[in-house]
Amino acid sequence: MAQPRLRVIPLGGLGEIGKNMMVLECQEDIIVIDAGLMFPEEDMLGVDLVIPDISYLMERRDRIKGMLVTHGHEDHIGALPYVLPQLDVPIYCTQLTQGLISVKLKERKSLAKASLNVLPPGGRVTLGCFQIEFFPVCHSIPDAVGLIINTPVGTIVHSGDFKLDFTPVSGNPTDLSRLAEVGREGVLLLLSDSTYAELPGYTPSERVVGEALDHIMAEAPGRVIITTFSSLISRIQQVIDSATKYERRVFVVGRNMTTIVRMAVELGYLRAPDGLLGRLDELKDMPHDKIVFVTTGSQGEPTSALVRIANRDHHQLHIVPGDTVAISATPVPGNEALVAKTMDNLLRQGANVVYNSMAPVHVHGHASQEELKLMLNLVRPKYFVPIHGEYRHLSLHAKLAESIGIPRESIFLMDDGDVLEIGPQMAKVTGKITSSNVYVDGLSIGDIGTVVLRDRKMLSRDGMVVVIIAINRQTGKLVGRPDIVSRGFVDTREAKEMLDESRDLVARVLDRGGDHPAQWSFVNVKVRDTLNKFYYEQTKRRPMILPFMVKV
């Protein structure tokens, strides 16, 4: 009888920050861990979100036993509204994560068919040949878990996003004793978070942020505005605790954050004294030194509450000189310029802006190098795959594993789509599957491809030229000179001579002998080739050229 094999296939989260999705396959059973989104990079023009390519799962959906979600951050649940209608599989997660997924699905109006099953930290579930145990980890959100997965081949530990904070604001510390116990029993494979593998030492405790917020509220002469991620429940709890201490009322601004705070209060993950949380219509005549706002907008998102306030575009809130704004988050790579612009606009209006390089108003939720080494030492896996990070993070994490004695040949640096096969006595990357990005643009999912992005780049860089060609319906001959309209290419008044010359050029190219009208496909290609060459010689730019024929 053939020995069972385990296949480990990342569909997202390796070589990038976000879009986390991991597939485990053994015998005829498949389980999926997380389904996250990624924010678009600068060159992904017009793209709202990026999600994993699930074509591999679509072809095998009858074999998928379930999806396990480690916690409720966007880079782990954000793709669910888009992939669930296609896969229709049961989801297993903790209670707060279930609440956040429900909010997300309602927001996208895709609650249909969602089977959400709640497991507490420490809970167990059997899916096909996989026996899964949730173990608590400390992260920047309560109810985060890692996974201990027993398979016919051996035990797998998936760390989830974690850090080792022994004084967490809410939730449990990472369960090191359970990890040590599993490590003693023998672990075949460890999949471990690499997001902050570059940082030496230990990640500071969330308590540091509480002290900084405390100081801000004690010192601020007027209103305090704190912006953070809407799902950062523990940070919102710290704001509530400090506001209680300094007798300030808390007002939540932003639709998404309001929905999440309401859900977290109902489920008992946020605790606030009666009357502390207020509505914006209660603000009138309140002393400024008794007010705290909690808002979205820590990433400079154009539609968020803080950015609308900074742009003087919010219908209820405006900056008053003396306001203190604390940016309690680190910009996601690529969002730095948006955040800086928001801060500048707030400062121009007389606000005092506090951010991480001035005071510890944010600590990240991921393990630094010493914590990663402790995880490796406790689990002592036979094989190791660093996950969740750009390639440099994965590479550094691999070096940390080598430094604690894991042999280089037992460490696998993988990319999205790589297939790692593991048997009881072997492990090797045996192939690659398709795992490209899927772009979400407005209501369209996956319709935006590389050709569309290339066209958008060309339009954004060099503009466009529309060539209107009038053709006689009977003879097929050119009627008059073509008309040329340009947008985003050159100043039409200043470049009038060049555009006139290009009109003559098109007329000469099309005014050919013969009685038979030329085919439109020929005319189209000829006009584009001629103008491309001419405009490049004149301007060293390549606008998008769109010939348009009118029969008269």
Protein backbone atom coordinates (compact mmCIF):
# COMPACT_ATOMS: atom_id res chain seq x y z
CA MET A 1 0.00 0.00 0.00
CA ALA A 2 1.37 3.44 -1.00
CA GLN A 3 2.46 5.74 1.82
CA PRO A 4 0.21 8.83 2.20
CA ARG A 5 1.62 12.15 0.99
CA LEU A 6 0.82 15.65 2.18
CA ARG A 7 0.73 18.51 -0.35
CA VAL A 8 1.28 22.08 0.91
CA ILE A 9 0.27 24.76 -1.64
CA PRO A 10 0.33 28.50 -0.79
CA LEU A 11 -2.13 30.44 -3.00
CA GLY A 12 -1.21 33.78 -1.41
CA GLY A 13 0.89 35.43 1.30
CA LEU A 14 4.36 34.25 0.23
CA GLY A 15 6.52 36.88 -1.42
CA GLU A 16 3.96 39.58 -0.49
CA ILE A 17 2.25 41.15 2.52
CA GLY A 18 -1.43 40.15 2.58
CA LYS A 19 -3.63 37.90 0.40
CA ASN A 20 -2.95 34.99 2.78
CA MET A 21 -4.29 31.61 1.69
CA MET A 22 -2.78 28.15 2.29
CA VAL A 23 -4.02 24.81 0.92
CA LEU A 24 -3.29 21.46 2.60
CA GLU A 25 -4.10 18.30 0.66
CA CYS A 26 -3.82 14.69 1.90
CA GLN A 27 -5.37 11.55 0.44
CA GLU A 28 -8.59 12.87 -1.15
CA ASP A 29 -9.21 15.67 1.37
CA ILE A 30 -8.41 19.40 1.15
CA ILE A 31 -8.53 22.11 3.83
CA VAL A 32 -7.91 25.83 3.24
CA ILE A 33 -6.37 28.21 5.80
CA ASP A 34 -7.43 31.89 5.54
CA ALA A 35 -8.70 33.90 2.55
CA GLY A 36 -7.23 37.38 2.65
CA LEU A 37 -6.91 40.40 0.41
CA MET A 38 -3.99 42.65 -0.45
CA PHE A 39 -4.01 46.36 -1.16
CA PRO A 40 -3.02 47.16 -4.77
CA GLU A 41 0.51 48.28 -5.59
CA GLU A 42 1.14 51.68 -7.16
CA ASP A 43 1.25 50.30 -10.71
CA MET A 44 -2.13 48.53 -10.36
CA LEU A 45 -4.05 51.57 -11.59
CA GLY A 46 -7.75 51.67 -10.73
CA VAL A 47 -7.63 48.33 -8.89
CA ASP A 48 -9.44 48.35 -5.52
CA LEU A 49 -8.23 45.03 -4.05
CA VAL A 50 -6.17 41.98 -4.94
CA ILE A 51 -7.36 38.49 -3.93
CA PRO A 52 -5.93 34.97 -4.43
CA ASP A 53 -6.54 32.97 -7.59
CA ILE A 54 -8.74 30.01 -6.54
CA SER A 55 -8.92 28.23 -9.92
CA TYR A 56 -6.99 25.25 -8.41
CA LEU A 57 -9.65 24.96 -5.67
CA MET A 58 -12.56 25.44 -8.10
CA GLU A 59 -11.47 22.31 -10.01
CA ARG A 60 -11.43 20.32 -6.73
CA ARG A 61 -14.19 21.95 -4.75
CA ASP A 62 -15.99 18.65 -3.99
CA ARG A 63 -12.86 17.56 -2.07
CA ILE A 64 -12.67 20.68 0.17
CA LYS A 65 -13.75 19.77 3.69
CA GLY A 66 -13.64 23.26 5.15
CA MET A 67 -11.86 26.58 5.57
CA LEU A 68 -10.06 27.56 8.79
CA VAL A 69 -9.68 31.27 9.57
CA THR A 70 -6.98 32.21 12.10
CA HIS A 71 -8.24 35.74 12.93
CA GLY A 72 -10.34 38.63 11.66
CA HIS A 73 -7.90 40.95 9.89
CA GLU A 74 -8.49 41.94 6.25
CA ASP A 75 -5.39 40.09 5.01
CA HIS A 76 -6.99 36.86 6.35
CA ILE A 77 -10.77 37.35 5.78
CA GLY A 78 -10.99 40.08 3.10
CA ALA A 79 -11.34 37.70 0.13
CA LEU A 80 -14.21 35.69 1.68
CA PRO A 81 -17.05 37.76 0.12
CA TYR A 82 -15.52 37.02 -3.31
CA VAL A 83 -14.47 33.35 -2.93
CA LEU A 84 -17.31 31.97 -0.77
CA PRO A 85 -20.05 32.26 -3.42
CA GLN A 86 -17.83 30.16 -5.72
CA LEU A 87 -16.57 27.57 -3.21
CA ASP A 88 -19.52 27.25 -0.78
CA VAL A 89 -17.53 25.50 1.98
CA PRO A 90 -18.03 25.60 5.78
CA ILE A 91 -15.84 28.04 7.73
CA TYR A 92 -14.37 27.36 11.19
CA CYS A 93 -13.18 30.28 13.33
CA THR A 94 -13.39 31.84 16.79
CA GLN A 95 -16.33 33.97 17.93
CA LEU A 96 -14.94 37.45 17.28
CA THR A 97 -13.61 36.33 13.89
CA GLN A 98 -17.09 35.04 13.06
CA GLY A 99 -18.55 38.44 14.00
CA LEU A 100 -16.04 40.27 11.78
CA ILE A 101 -16.67 37.86 8.86
CA SER A 102 -20.44 38.41 9.22
CA VAL A 103 -19.92 42.20 9.10
CA LYS A 104 -17.73 41.80 5.99
CA LEU A 105 -20.22 39.52 4.19
CA LYS A 106 -23.17 41.82 4.98
CA GLU A 107 -21.18 44.81 3.75
CA ARG A 108 -20.63 43.04 0.41
CA LYS A 109 -24.16 41.59 0.40
CA SER A 110 -22.89 38.03 0.02
CA LEU A 111 -24.27 36.34 3.14
CA ALA A 112 -25.83 33.61 0.98
CA LYS A 113 -24.67 30.07 1.76
CA ALA A 114 -22.14 31.16 4.43
CA SER A 115 -21.85 28.36 7.00
CA LEU A 116 -19.88 29.92 9.89
CA ASN A 117 -18.94 27.51 12.70
CA VAL A 118 -17.50 28.89 15.96
CA LEU A 119 -14.67 27.05 17.73
CA PRO A 120 -13.15 28.48 20.94
CA PRO A 121 -9.34 28.70 21.36
CA GLY A 122 -8.44 25.15 22.44
CA GLY A 123 -11.37 23.75 20.40
CA ARG A 124 -10.99 20.82 18.00
CA VAL A 125 -12.64 19.74 14.74
CA THR A 126 -12.11 16.80 12.36
CA LEU A 127 -12.32 17.54 8.61
CA GLY A 128 -11.75 14.42 6.52
CA CYS A 129 -8.33 13.00 7.42
CA PHE A 130 -7.32 16.27 9.16
CA GLN A 131 -7.77 16.72 12.94
CA ILE A 132 -7.40 20.39 13.80
CA GLU A 133 -6.89 22.09 17.17
CA PHE A 134 -7.05 25.87 17.64
CA PHE A 135 -4.40 27.14 20.06
CA PRO A 136 -4.53 30.76 21.33
CA VAL A 137 -1.94 33.24 20.05
CA CYS A 138 -1.44 36.88 20.98
CA HIS A 139 -1.85 39.27 18.05
CA SER A 140 -3.22 42.80 17.67
CA ILE A 141 -6.79 41.45 17.74
CA PRO A 142 -8.52 39.22 20.32
CA ASP A 143 -9.50 35.62 19.51
CA ALA A 144 -6.52 35.01 17.20
CA VAL A 145 -5.39 31.38 16.94
CA GLY A 146 -2.74 29.17 15.44
CA LEU A 147 -3.45 25.62 14.24
CA ILE A 148 -2.16 22.21 15.30
CA ILE A 149 -3.14 19.84 12.48
CA ASN A 150 -2.80 16.07 12.78
CA THR A 151 -2.56 14.34 9.39
CA PRO A 152 -1.87 10.72 8.33
CA VAL A 153 1.70 11.84 7.54
CA GLY A 154 2.45 13.74 10.77
CA THR A 155 1.65 16.88 12.78
CA ILE A 156 1.66 20.36 11.23
CA VAL A 157 1.79 23.59 13.24
CA HIS A 158 0.56 26.80 11.54
CA SER A 159 1.44 29.76 13.75
CA GLY A 160 -1.12 32.23 12.34
CA ASP A 161 -0.08 35.86 12.96
CA PHE A 162 1.46 35.97 16.43
CA LYS A 163 3.72 37.70 18.91
CA LEU A 164 4.73 36.91 22.49
CA ASP A 165 3.05 39.58 24.63
CA PHE A 166 2.78 38.42 28.24
CA THR A 167 0.62 41.41 29.24
CA PRO A 168 -1.95 41.58 26.42
CA VAL A 169 -4.69 44.22 26.63
CA SER A 170 -7.35 41.70 25.65
CA GLY A 171 -7.31 38.05 24.71
CA ASN A 172 -4.86 35.36 25.77
CA PRO A 173 -1.07 35.23 25.55
CA THR A 174 0.37 32.78 23.01
CA ASP A 175 0.04 29.26 24.49
CA LEU A 176 3.74 28.34 24.72
CA SER A 177 3.14 25.34 27.00
CA ARG A 178 0.86 23.69 24.40
CA LEU A 179 3.45 24.37 21.67
CA ALA A 180 6.20 22.85 23.83
CA GLU A 181 4.03 19.78 24.43
CA VAL A 182 3.39 19.32 20.69
CA GLY A 183 7.11 19.89 20.03
CA ARG A 184 7.99 17.06 22.42
CA GLU A 185 5.53 14.72 20.69
CA GLY A 186 7.14 15.50 17.31
CA VAL A 187 6.20 18.04 14.62
CA LEU A 188 6.62 17.21 10.93
CA LEU A 189 6.17 20.75 9.56
CA LEU A 190 6.05 24.29 10.98
CA LEU A 191 4.51 27.13 8.94
CA SER A 192 5.42 30.35 10.78
CA ASP A 193 4.67 34.09 10.39
CA SER A 194 7.63 36.06 8.93
CA THR A 195 6.15 39.60 8.70
CA TYR A 196 8.67 41.20 11.10
CA ALA A 197 11.59 38.77 10.70
CA GLU A 198 13.80 41.83 9.98
CA LEU A 199 13.40 43.28 13.49
CA PRO A 200 15.89 42.17 16.18
CA GLY A 201 14.84 41.57 19.78
CA TYR A 202 11.25 41.39 21.00
CA THR A 203 8.07 43.21 19.96
CA PRO A 204 6.97 45.67 22.70
CA SER A 205 3.80 44.91 24.67
CA GLU A 206 0.46 46.57 23.82
CA ARG A 207 0.66 48.10 27.33
CA VAL A 208 3.20 50.62 25.95
CA VAL A 209 0.49 52.03 23.68
CA GLY A 210 -1.96 52.30 26.58
CA GLU A 211 0.55 54.45 28.48
CA ALA A 212 1.11 56.70 25.42
CA LEU A 213 -2.66 57.18 24.87
CA ASP A 214 -3.05 57.87 28.59
CA HIS A 215 -0.40 60.60 28.38
CA ILE A 216 -2.02 62.16 25.27
CA MET A 217 -5.46 62.34 26.93
CA ALA A 218 -4.03 63.79 30.15
CA GLU A 219 -2.06 66.51 28.29
CA ALA A 220 -4.41 67.41 25.38
CA PRO A 221 -6.02 70.82 25.91
CA GLY A 222 -8.94 70.08 23.56
CA ARG A 223 -10.54 67.23 21.66
CA VAL A 224 -8.56 64.03 20.96
CA ILE A 225 -8.97 62.17 17.64
CA ILE A 226 -7.44 58.68 17.52
CA THR A 227 -7.33 56.84 14.21
CA THR A 228 -6.63 53.14 13.90
CA PHE A 229 -7.74 50.02 12.00
CA SER A 230 -11.45 49.35 12.55
CA SER A 231 -10.70 45.73 13.52
CA LEU A 232 -8.02 46.67 16.10
CA ILE A 233 -10.39 45.92 19.00
CA SER A 234 -7.68 45.94 21.69
CA ARG A 235 -6.61 49.48 20.67
CA ILE A 236 -10.21 50.69 20.84
CA GLN A 237 -10.43 49.14 24.34
CA GLN A 238 -7.34 51.09 25.37
CA VAL A 239 -8.96 54.32 24.12
CA ILE A 240 -12.11 53.52 26.15
CA ASP A 241 -10.02 52.77 29.28
CA SER A 242 -8.06 56.04 29.03
CA ALA A 243 -11.21 58.05 28.27
CA THR A 244 -12.89 56.58 31.36
CA LYS A 245 -9.89 57.59 33.49
CA TYR A 246 -9.91 61.21 32.24
CA GLU A 247 -13.73 61.53 32.13
CA ARG A 248 -13.94 61.96 28.38
CA ARG A 249 -16.77 60.52 26.26
CA VAL A 250 -15.91 58.39 23.20
CA PHE A 251 -17.52 59.00 19.79
CA VAL A 252 -16.94 56.44 17.03
CA VAL A 253 -16.71 57.95 13.52
CA GLY A 254 -16.89 55.95 10.28
CA ARG A 255 -19.57 53.45 9.21
CA ASN A 256 -17.36 50.35 9.22
CA MET A 257 -15.81 51.13 12.60
CA THR A 258 -19.25 51.90 14.12
CA THR A 259 -20.58 48.50 12.92
CA ILE A 260 -17.54 46.63 14.28
CA VAL A 261 -17.61 48.43 17.67
CA ARG A 262 -21.32 47.65 18.05
CA MET A 263 -20.68 43.98 17.24
CA ALA A 264 -17.68 43.76 19.63
CA VAL A 265 -19.70 45.33 22.49
CA GLU A 266 -22.59 42.90 21.88
CA LEU A 267 -20.20 39.90 21.93
CA GLY A 268 -18.41 41.17 25.06
CA TYR A 269 -15.01 41.87 23.42
CA LEU A 270 -15.30 45.61 24.19
CA ARG A 271 -16.24 46.79 27.66
CA ALA A 272 -17.38 50.38 28.22
CA PRO A 273 -19.15 52.01 31.23
CA ASP A 274 -22.78 52.98 30.55
CA GLY A 275 -23.04 56.31 28.76
CA LEU A 276 -19.36 56.49 27.76
CA LEU A 277 -19.96 55.74 24.05
CA GLY A 278 -21.85 58.66 22.53
CA ARG A 279 -23.58 59.59 19.27
CA LEU A 280 -22.30 62.48 17.15
CA ASP A 281 -25.60 64.36 17.56
CA GLU A 282 -24.82 64.63 21.33
CA LEU A 283 -21.67 66.70 20.72
CA LYS A 284 -23.31 70.12 20.85
CA ASP A 285 -22.18 72.27 23.80
CA MET A 286 -19.87 69.55 25.18
CA PRO A 287 -16.55 70.91 26.54
CA HIS A 288 -13.73 70.05 24.11
CA ASP A 289 -11.54 68.55 26.82
CA LYS A 290 -14.23 65.92 27.49
CA ILE A 291 -14.32 64.48 23.94
CA VAL A 292 -12.46 61.61 22.22
CA PHE A 293 -13.15 60.51 18.64
CA VAL A 294 -12.10 57.10 17.30
CA THR A 295 -11.97 57.09 13.49
CA THR A 296 -10.96 55.07 10.47
CA GLY A 297 -8.34 56.47 8.07
CA SER A 298 -5.00 55.32 9.49
CA GLN A 299 -3.92 54.29 5.95
CA GLY A 300 -4.97 57.55 4.27
CA GLU A 301 -7.88 55.81 2.46
CA PRO A 302 -9.63 58.54 0.40
CA THR A 303 -13.17 57.71 1.62
CA SER A 304 -12.28 57.22 5.31
CA ALA A 305 -13.48 59.53 8.09
CA LEU A 306 -10.08 61.01 9.00
CA VAL A 307 -9.16 61.82 5.38
CA ARG A 308 -12.54 63.50 4.84
CA ILE A 309 -11.97 65.52 8.03
CA ALA A 310 -8.45 66.46 6.83
CA ASN A 311 -9.88 67.55 3.45
CA ARG A 312 -12.63 69.64 5.15
CA ASP A 313 -15.13 67.29 3.52
CA HIS A 314 -16.81 65.63 6.56
CA HIS A 315 -20.43 66.71 7.06
CA GLN A 316 -20.29 66.53 10.89
CA LEU A 317 -16.68 66.97 12.00
CA HIS A 318 -14.15 69.74 11.34
CA ILE A 319 -10.71 70.33 12.85
CA VAL A 320 -10.64 72.98 15.56
CA PRO A 321 -7.26 74.56 16.49
CA GLY A 322 -6.12 72.73 19.63
CA ASP A 323 -7.34 69.29 18.51
CA THR A 324 -4.86 66.45 19.03
CA VAL A 325 -4.78 63.70 16.39
CA ALA A 326 -2.98 60.40 17.15
CA ILE A 327 -2.24 58.08 14.18
CA SER A 328 -2.29 54.71 15.99
CA ALA A 329 -1.13 52.46 13.12
CA THR A 330 1.83 51.92 10.79
CA PRO A 331 1.26 52.65 7.09
CA VAL A 332 0.90 49.53 4.96
CA PRO A 333 3.75 49.53 2.35
CA GLY A 334 2.65 51.79 -0.51
CA ASN A 335 0.34 53.97 1.64
CA GLU A 336 3.08 56.15 3.18
CA ALA A 337 2.48 59.13 0.85
CA LEU A 338 -1.31 59.09 1.48
CA VAL A 339 -0.78 59.07 5.26
CA ALA A 340 1.82 61.87 5.08
CA LYS A 341 -0.55 64.03 2.99
CA THR A 342 -3.38 63.47 5.50
CA MET A 343 -1.09 64.52 8.39
CA ASP A 344 0.00 67.66 6.49
CA ASN A 345 -3.63 68.66 5.87
CA LEU A 346 -4.47 68.19 9.56
CA LEU A 347 -1.46 70.26 10.67
CA ARG A 348 -2.42 73.08 8.25
CA GLN A 349 -5.76 73.37 10.06
CA GLY A 350 -4.14 73.78 13.48
CA ALA A 351 -4.25 70.21 14.81
CA ASN A 352 -1.41 68.72 16.85
CA VAL A 353 -0.56 65.38 15.13
CA VAL A 354 1.14 62.55 17.06
CA TYR A 355 2.47 59.50 15.22
CA ASN A 356 4.78 56.60 15.93
CA SER A 357 8.14 58.32 15.46
CA MET A 358 7.07 60.91 18.10
CA ALA A 359 5.44 58.62 20.70
CA PRO A 360 4.73 54.86 20.95
CA VAL A 361 1.09 55.19 19.83
CA HIS A 362 1.28 51.90 17.91
CA VAL A 363 3.02 48.56 18.25
CA HIS A 364 2.70 45.91 15.57
CA GLY A 365 1.15 42.53 16.17
CA HIS A 366 3.93 40.28 14.85
CA ALA A 367 6.87 38.45 16.41
CA SER A 368 10.39 39.90 16.11
CA GLN A 369 13.53 37.75 15.73
CA GLU A 370 13.89 36.46 19.32
CA GLU A 371 10.23 35.43 19.44
CA LEU A 372 10.51 33.64 16.08
CA LYS A 373 13.54 31.74 17.40
CA LEU A 374 11.62 30.77 20.54
CA MET A 375 8.75 29.42 18.41
CA LEU A 376 11.24 27.36 16.34
CA ASN A 377 12.97 26.06 19.50
CA LEU A 378 9.72 25.03 21.15
CA VAL A 379 8.22 23.30 18.12
CA ARG A 380 11.48 21.78 16.77
CA PRO A 381 9.96 20.79 13.41
CA LYS A 382 11.46 18.27 11.01
CA TYR A 383 10.66 20.62 8.10
CA PHE A 384 10.12 24.39 8.13
CA VAL A 385 8.34 26.77 5.71
CA PRO A 386 8.42 30.52 6.53
CA ILE A 387 5.08 32.12 5.52
CA HIS A 388 3.40 35.55 5.51
CA GLY A 389 5.95 38.03 4.17
CA GLU A 390 7.87 39.40 1.23
CA TYR A 391 10.77 37.28 -0.01
CA ARG A 392 13.35 39.10 2.14
CA HIS A 393 11.27 38.35 5.27
CA LEU A 394 10.97 34.67 4.34
CA SER A 395 14.70 34.50 3.58
CA LEU A 396 15.69 36.07 6.93
CA HIS A 397 13.31 33.75 8.79
CA ALA A 398 14.96 30.77 7.03
CA LYS A 399 18.38 32.01 8.27
CA LEU A 400 16.99 32.25 11.84
CA ALA A 401 15.84 28.62 11.53
CA GLU A 402 19.34 27.60 10.40
CA SER A 403 20.86 29.49 13.34
CA ILE A 404 18.91 27.34 15.84
CA GLY A 405 20.04 24.12 14.17
CA ILE A 406 17.41 23.22 11.54
CA PRO A 407 19.32 21.83 8.51
CA ARG A 408 19.22 23.96 5.35
CA GLU A 409 17.83 21.06 3.28
CA SER A 410 14.83 20.86 5.67
CA ILE A 411 13.87 24.54 5.10
CA PHE A 412 11.75 25.41 2.07
CA LEU A 413 11.57 28.98 0.74
CA MET A 414 8.38 28.88 -1.32
CA ASP A 415 6.49 31.18 -3.68
CA ASP A 416 2.74 31.31 -4.27
CA GLY A 417 1.76 28.29 -6.35
CA ASP A 418 4.71 26.06 -5.39
CA VAL A 419 3.70 22.50 -4.46
CA LEU A 420 5.60 21.00 -1.50
CA GLU A 421 5.11 17.22 -1.12
CA ILE A 422 5.91 15.64 2.23
CA GLY A 423 6.03 11.94 3.12
CA PRO A 424 7.12 10.41 6.45
CA GLN A 425 10.78 10.36 5.29
CA MET A 426 10.93 12.95 2.44
CA ALA A 427 10.00 16.48 1.43
CA LYS A 428 10.54 18.30 -1.86
CA VAL A 429 8.96 20.94 -4.08
CA THR A 430 7.52 18.86 -6.93
CA GLY A 431 5.81 21.41 -9.15
CA LYS A 432 3.93 24.68 -9.53
CA ILE A 433 0.30 25.53 -10.13
CA THR A 434 -1.27 28.72 -11.50
CA SER A 435 -1.67 31.29 -8.74
CA SER A 436 -1.78 34.72 -10.35
CA ASN A 437 -3.37 37.81 -8.78
CA VAL A 438 -7.11 38.33 -9.20
CA TYR A 439 -7.97 42.04 -9.38
CA VAL A 440 -11.18 43.48 -7.92
CA ASP A 441 -12.18 46.71 -9.66
CA GLY A 442 -15.55 48.12 -8.63
CA LEU A 443 -18.08 45.35 -9.24
CA SER A 444 -15.87 43.31 -11.55
CA ILE A 445 -13.82 40.43 -10.12
CA GLY A 446 -11.06 38.92 -12.21
CA ASP A 447 -12.05 40.79 -15.40
CA ILE A 448 -9.06 43.09 -15.10
CA GLY A 449 -6.01 41.43 -16.65
CA THR A 450 -2.48 42.46 -17.48
CA VAL A 451 -3.61 43.94 -20.83
CA VAL A 452 -6.08 46.30 -19.10
CA LEU A 453 -3.44 47.35 -16.53
CA ARG A 454 -0.91 47.92 -19.33
CA ASP A 455 -3.43 50.15 -21.16
CA ARG A 456 -4.14 52.08 -17.95
CA LYS A 457 -0.41 52.61 -17.41
CA MET A 458 -0.03 53.87 -20.97
CA LEU A 459 -3.00 56.24 -20.61
CA SER A 460 -1.76 57.56 -17.25
CA ARG A 461 1.74 58.13 -18.58
CA ASP A 462 1.27 59.33 -22.16
CA GLY A 463 -2.44 60.07 -22.66
CA MET A 464 -4.52 59.23 -25.71
CA VAL A 465 -5.16 60.42 -29.26
CA VAL A 466 -8.48 59.79 -31.05
CA VAL A 467 -8.33 59.87 -34.87
CA ILE A 468 -11.74 60.43 -36.52
CA ILE A 469 -11.68 59.31 -40.17
CA ALA A 470 -14.65 60.16 -42.46
CA ILE A 471 -15.08 57.68 -45.34
CA ASN A 472 -17.47 57.98 -48.29
CA ARG A 473 -20.02 55.15 -47.94
CA GLN A 474 -20.15 54.47 -51.71
CA THR A 475 -16.55 54.88 -52.85
CA GLY A 476 -14.66 54.09 -49.65
CA LYS A 477 -12.55 57.22 -50.26
CA LEU A 478 -11.42 59.62 -47.54
CA VAL A 479 -13.71 62.66 -47.09
CA GLY A 480 -11.60 65.66 -46.08
CA ARG A 481 -8.72 65.57 -43.60
CA PRO A 482 -9.03 63.34 -40.51
CA ASP A 483 -9.86 65.05 -37.23
CA ILE A 484 -7.53 64.47 -34.27
CA VAL A 485 -8.46 64.94 -30.61
CA SER A 486 -5.87 64.41 -27.84
CA ARG A 487 -6.32 64.05 -24.06
CA GLY A 488 -3.44 63.94 -21.59
CA PHE A 489 -0.84 63.82 -24.40
CA VAL A 490 0.11 67.37 -25.38
CA ASP A 491 -1.34 70.86 -24.91
CA THR A 492 -3.54 71.14 -28.03
CA ARG A 493 -2.84 74.87 -28.46
CA GLU A 494 0.93 74.63 -28.07
CA ALA A 495 1.23 71.50 -30.21
CA LYS A 496 -1.21 72.65 -32.92
CA GLU A 497 1.43 72.42 -35.68
CA MET A 498 2.44 68.87 -34.75
CA LEU A 499 -1.21 67.70 -34.61
CA ASP A 500 -1.93 69.38 -37.98
CA GLU A 501 1.10 67.64 -39.48
CA SER A 502 -0.13 64.30 -38.14
CA ARG A 503 -3.56 64.90 -39.75
CA ASP A 504 -1.86 65.43 -43.11
CA LEU A 505 0.24 62.32 -42.54
CA VAL A 506 -2.87 60.16 -41.93
CA ALA A 507 -4.57 61.67 -45.04
CA ARG A 508 -1.53 60.80 -47.19
CA VAL A 509 -1.35 57.24 -45.85
CA LEU A 510 -5.07 56.61 -46.51
CA ASP A 511 -5.38 58.48 -49.82
CA ARG A 512 -4.16 55.48 -51.81
CA GLY A 513 -5.02 54.52 -55.38
CA GLY A 514 -7.57 51.87 -56.36
CA ASP A 515 -11.35 51.85 -56.41
CA HIS A 516 -11.92 49.25 -53.71
CA PRO A 517 -12.22 50.55 -50.16
CA ALA A 518 -9.51 49.24 -47.83
CA GLN A 519 -10.59 46.91 -45.01
CA TRP A 520 -11.09 48.67 -41.69
CA SER A 521 -8.66 46.31 -39.90
CA PHE A 522 -5.93 47.38 -42.35
CA VAL A 523 -6.77 51.09 -41.93
CA ASN A 524 -6.80 50.72 -38.13
CA VAL A 525 -3.33 49.11 -37.97
CA LYS A 526 -1.84 51.47 -40.59
CA VAL A 527 -3.03 54.64 -38.80
CA ARG A 528 -1.81 53.41 -35.40
CA ASP A 529 1.61 52.36 -36.70
CA THR A 530 2.14 55.61 -38.61
CA LEU A 531 1.12 57.89 -35.73
CA ASN A 532 2.99 55.84 -33.13
CA LYS A 533 6.20 56.30 -35.06
CA PHE A 534 5.56 60.00 -35.80
CA TYR A 535 4.60 60.98 -32.23
CA TYR A 536 7.53 59.05 -30.75
CA GLU A 537 9.97 60.88 -33.06
CA GLN A 538 8.43 64.23 -32.09
CA THR A 539 7.87 63.77 -28.33
CA LYS A 540 9.58 60.49 -27.22
CA ARG A 541 6.16 59.47 -25.85
CA ARG A 542 3.71 56.78 -26.94
CA PRO A 543 0.06 57.86 -26.45
CA MET A 544 -2.73 55.32 -26.90
CA ILE A 545 -4.04 55.84 -30.46
CA LEU A 546 -7.69 55.07 -31.15
CA PRO A 547 -8.73 55.35 -34.84
CA PHE A 548 -12.49 55.83 -35.31
CA MET A 549 -14.25 55.54 -38.69
CA VAL A 550 -17.40 57.44 -39.67
CA LYS A 551 -19.17 56.51 -42.94
CA VAL A 552 -20.81 59.48 -44.69
